[in-house]
Amino acid sequence: MELPKFKYHPDPIKTGAFVKSDKTCESCSTNRGYIYTGSIYCTQNVNSICPWCISDGSAAKKFKATFLSDAPPRIEIKIKKKKI
């Protein structure tokens, strides 16, 4: 089974973003042979997501989750010093 294509991550197996696994995806309830190893940002404790549910957006929708590439940029706060 060929993995879905990720525009900004052309070789997710090589980088370790996805690994072979016999775990069932918590989004689609299917064992597709691979799971995501990166961070999943959501309020629920989600541990096993397949590449297909990340690719089609169903995991993000189901768990109201974001993944590292979707995380908002760091917010910088500038403090203006008051002259006394």
Protein backbone atom coordinates (compact mmCIF):
# COMPACT_ATOMS: atom_id res chain seq x y z
CA MET A 1 0.00 0.00 0.00
CA GLU A 2 1.44 3.35 -1.05
CA LEU A 3 1.39 6.21 1.46
CA PRO A 4 -0.44 9.43 0.60
CA LYS A 5 1.73 12.27 -0.70
CA PHE A 6 2.57 15.21 1.54
CA LYS A 7 3.58 18.36 -0.33
CA TYR A 8 5.87 19.70 2.40
CA HIS A 9 7.13 16.33 3.61
CA PRO A 10 8.22 14.32 0.59
CA ASP A 11 9.77 11.36 2.48
CA PRO A 12 8.01 10.88 5.85
CA ILE A 13 9.25 7.29 6.22
CA LYS A 14 12.88 8.36 5.92
CA THR A 15 12.45 11.11 8.53
CA GLY A 16 10.54 8.81 10.89
CA ALA A 17 7.29 10.81 10.78
CA PHE A 18 5.48 7.55 9.94
CA VAL A 19 6.52 4.09 11.05
CA LYS A 20 5.24 0.60 10.30
CA SER A 21 2.82 -0.49 12.98
CA ASP A 22 0.08 -2.98 13.73
CA LYS A 23 -1.85 -0.37 15.73
CA THR A 24 -5.35 0.68 14.71
CA CYS A 25 -5.88 4.31 13.71
CA GLU A 26 -8.00 6.09 16.30
CA SER A 27 -9.60 8.24 13.62
CA CYS A 28 -10.77 5.67 11.05
CA SER A 29 -10.58 2.51 13.20
CA THR A 30 -8.50 0.79 10.52
CA ASN A 31 -5.10 -0.87 10.68
CA ARG A 32 -3.31 0.39 7.57
CA GLY A 33 0.18 -0.64 8.61
CA TYR A 34 1.58 2.82 9.44
CA ILE A 35 1.10 5.41 12.19
CA TYR A 36 2.23 8.98 12.73
CA THR A 37 5.01 9.47 15.29
CA GLY A 38 4.93 13.26 15.59
CA SER A 39 3.04 15.53 17.94
CA ILE A 40 -0.73 15.72 17.83
CA TYR A 41 -2.11 18.86 19.43
CA CYS A 42 -5.64 18.32 20.75
CA THR A 43 -7.52 18.08 24.02
CA GLN A 44 -8.01 14.31 23.75
CA ASN A 45 -5.32 11.71 24.34
CA VAL A 46 -4.75 10.47 20.79
CA ASN A 47 -1.81 8.15 20.14
CA SER A 48 -2.34 6.33 16.84
CA ILE A 49 -3.24 8.17 13.65
CA CYS A 50 -2.66 6.80 10.17
CA PRO A 51 -1.14 8.86 7.34
CA TRP A 52 -4.39 8.73 5.35
CA CYS A 53 -6.42 10.43 8.12
CA ILE A 54 -3.81 13.17 8.35
CA SER A 55 -3.68 13.58 4.59
CA ASP A 56 -7.44 13.86 4.06
CA GLY A 57 -7.99 16.04 7.15
CA SER A 58 -10.34 13.62 8.88
CA ALA A 59 -8.13 13.27 11.99
CA ALA A 60 -7.86 17.05 12.37
CA LYS A 61 -11.62 17.39 12.03
CA LYS A 62 -12.57 14.50 14.32
CA PHE A 63 -10.25 15.48 17.17
CA LYS A 64 -10.08 19.23 16.48
CA ALA A 65 -6.37 18.58 16.22
CA THR A 66 -3.42 20.27 14.63
CA PHE A 67 -0.10 18.77 13.73
CA LEU A 68 3.30 20.38 13.97
CA SER A 69 3.13 21.90 10.50
CA ASP A 70 -0.24 23.43 11.38
CA ALA A 71 0.82 24.90 14.73
CA PRO A 72 0.42 28.67 14.98
CA PRO A 73 3.61 30.72 14.81
CA ARG A 74 5.24 31.80 18.04
CA ILE A 75 3.80 35.03 19.36
CA GLU A 76 6.30 37.68 20.28
CA ILE A 77 5.31 40.38 22.72
CA LYS A 78 7.19 43.65 22.73
CA ILE A 79 7.16 45.57 25.97
CA LYS A 80 7.57 49.25 25.74
CA LYS A 81 9.64 50.67 28.59
CA LYS A 82 8.14 53.63 30.31
CA LYS A 83 10.46 56.55 30.97
CA ILE A 84 10.40 57.71 34.58
